[in-house]
Amino acid sequence: MLTENEKHKAKALAEREKERLEDIRTQDEYARMLDKQEQDRHNEVKAHEQRAQEFMNRMADTVIKNMDSRAREEEEKIRRYEMEKELRERMADEQKMNKIKAEQ
């Protein structure tokens, strides 16, 4: 009877140890799963920030291109206006010269 009790105690002790080790293994797996989830969240946030930064960069590039385009258009308008003004002045000078010649 004593040996049987000792066997039961040893068996119960072994069973408790097995359960304890299984609990430890389960907790380790759960901790690894939580770490992976946290890393995945971190990676997603980082990717989101990267996409937002790329979008902002594209928007800034577009704004700069539009400003450059408008500046070129404005410069072209000014250049055309100055050429037309110079042409009108030349024609006016030529008309004055022709009038002076005709009067002489």
Protein backbone atom coordinates (compact mmCIF):
# COMPACT_ATOMS: atom_id res chain seq x y z
CA MET A 1 0.00 0.00 0.00
CA LEU A 2 2.85 2.34 0.85
CA THR A 3 4.59 1.69 -2.42
CA GLU A 4 1.34 2.17 -4.24
CA ASN A 5 0.88 5.56 -2.54
CA GLU A 6 4.44 6.46 -3.44
CA LYS A 7 3.74 5.49 -7.07
CA HIS A 8 0.58 7.61 -7.09
CA LYS A 9 2.48 10.54 -5.54
CA ALA A 10 5.28 10.18 -8.09
CA LYS A 11 2.76 9.87 -10.91
CA ALA A 12 0.83 12.94 -9.66
CA LEU A 13 4.08 14.87 -9.25
CA ALA A 14 5.17 13.91 -12.76
CA GLU A 15 1.74 14.90 -14.09
CA ARG A 16 1.93 18.29 -12.33
CA GLU A 17 5.45 18.84 -13.72
CA LYS A 18 4.24 17.91 -17.20
CA GLU A 19 1.35 20.38 -16.88
CA ARG A 20 3.72 23.06 -15.57
CA LEU A 21 6.07 22.56 -18.52
CA GLU A 22 3.10 22.59 -20.92
CA ASP A 23 1.89 25.86 -19.34
CA ILE A 24 5.36 27.37 -19.74
CA ARG A 25 5.49 26.26 -23.39
CA THR A 26 2.01 27.67 -24.02
CA GLN A 27 2.94 30.98 -22.38
CA ASP A 28 6.13 31.17 -24.46
CA GLU A 29 4.15 30.54 -27.65
CA TYR A 30 1.62 33.20 -26.63
CA ALA A 31 4.41 35.69 -25.89
CA ARG A 32 5.97 34.98 -29.30
CA MET A 33 2.58 35.47 -30.95
CA LEU A 34 2.12 38.82 -29.15
CA ASP A 35 5.65 39.88 -30.16
CA LYS A 36 4.90 38.99 -33.78
CA GLN A 37 1.63 40.93 -33.68
CA GLU A 38 3.43 43.94 -32.22
CA GLN A 39 6.14 43.70 -34.88
CA ASP A 40 3.48 43.41 -37.61
CA ARG A 41 1.72 46.51 -36.23
CA HIS A 42 5.03 48.35 -36.09
CA ASN A 43 5.80 47.36 -39.69
CA GLU A 44 2.34 48.44 -40.83
CA VAL A 45 2.66 51.82 -39.13
CA LYS A 46 6.10 52.27 -40.66
CA ALA A 47 4.78 51.32 -44.11
CA HIS A 48 1.84 53.72 -43.66
CA GLU A 49 4.20 56.53 -42.71
CA GLN A 50 6.38 55.70 -45.73
CA ARG A 51 3.36 55.83 -48.06
CA ALA A 52 2.24 59.13 -46.52
CA GLN A 53 5.74 60.59 -46.97
CA GLU A 54 5.88 59.42 -50.58
CA PHE A 55 2.46 60.98 -51.21
CA MET A 56 3.59 64.27 -49.67
CA ASN A 57 6.76 64.20 -51.78
CA ARG A 58 4.71 63.61 -54.94
CA MET A 59 2.38 66.44 -54.00
CA ALA A 60 5.33 68.76 -53.36
CA ASP A 61 6.88 67.77 -56.70
CA THR A 62 3.58 68.48 -58.44
CA VAL A 63 3.27 71.89 -56.78
CA ILE A 64 6.85 72.78 -57.72
CA LYS A 65 6.31 71.63 -61.30
CA ASN A 66 3.12 73.68 -61.53
CA MET A 67 4.87 76.74 -60.12
CA ASP A 68 7.75 76.29 -62.57
CA SER A 69 5.29 75.89 -65.43
CA ARG A 70 3.40 79.03 -64.43
CA ALA A 71 6.65 80.95 -64.08
CA ARG A 72 7.75 79.83 -67.58
CA GLU A 73 4.36 80.82 -69.02
CA GLU A 74 4.57 84.20 -67.33
CA GLU A 75 8.11 84.74 -68.62
CA GLU A 76 6.97 83.77 -72.13
CA LYS A 77 4.07 86.26 -71.93
CA ILE A 78 6.42 89.01 -70.77
CA ARG A 79 8.90 88.20 -73.56
CA ARG A 80 6.12 88.24 -76.18
CA TYR A 81 4.75 91.52 -74.79
CA GLU A 82 8.20 93.11 -74.90
CA MET A 83 8.77 91.91 -78.48
CA GLU A 84 5.37 93.25 -79.58
CA LYS A 85 6.03 96.55 -77.79
CA GLU A 86 9.43 96.85 -79.48
CA LEU A 87 7.85 96.07 -82.86
CA ARG A 88 5.15 98.72 -82.30
CA GLU A 89 7.80 101.26 -81.31
CA ARG A 90 9.86 100.47 -84.41
CA MET A 91 6.80 100.80 -86.62
CA ALA A 92 5.93 104.12 -84.96
CA ASP A 93 9.53 105.35 -85.44
CA GLU A 94 9.46 104.22 -89.07
CA GLN A 95 6.18 106.03 -89.65
CA LYS A 96 7.62 109.20 -88.11
CA MET A 97 10.71 108.93 -90.31
CA ASN A 98 8.56 108.39 -93.41
CA LYS A 99 6.40 111.37 -92.46
CA ILE A 100 9.50 113.55 -91.93
CA LYS A 101 10.91 112.44 -95.31
CA ALA A 102 7.59 113.09 -97.00
CA GLU A 103 7.42 116.59 -95.50
CA GLN A 104 10.94 117.45 -96.73
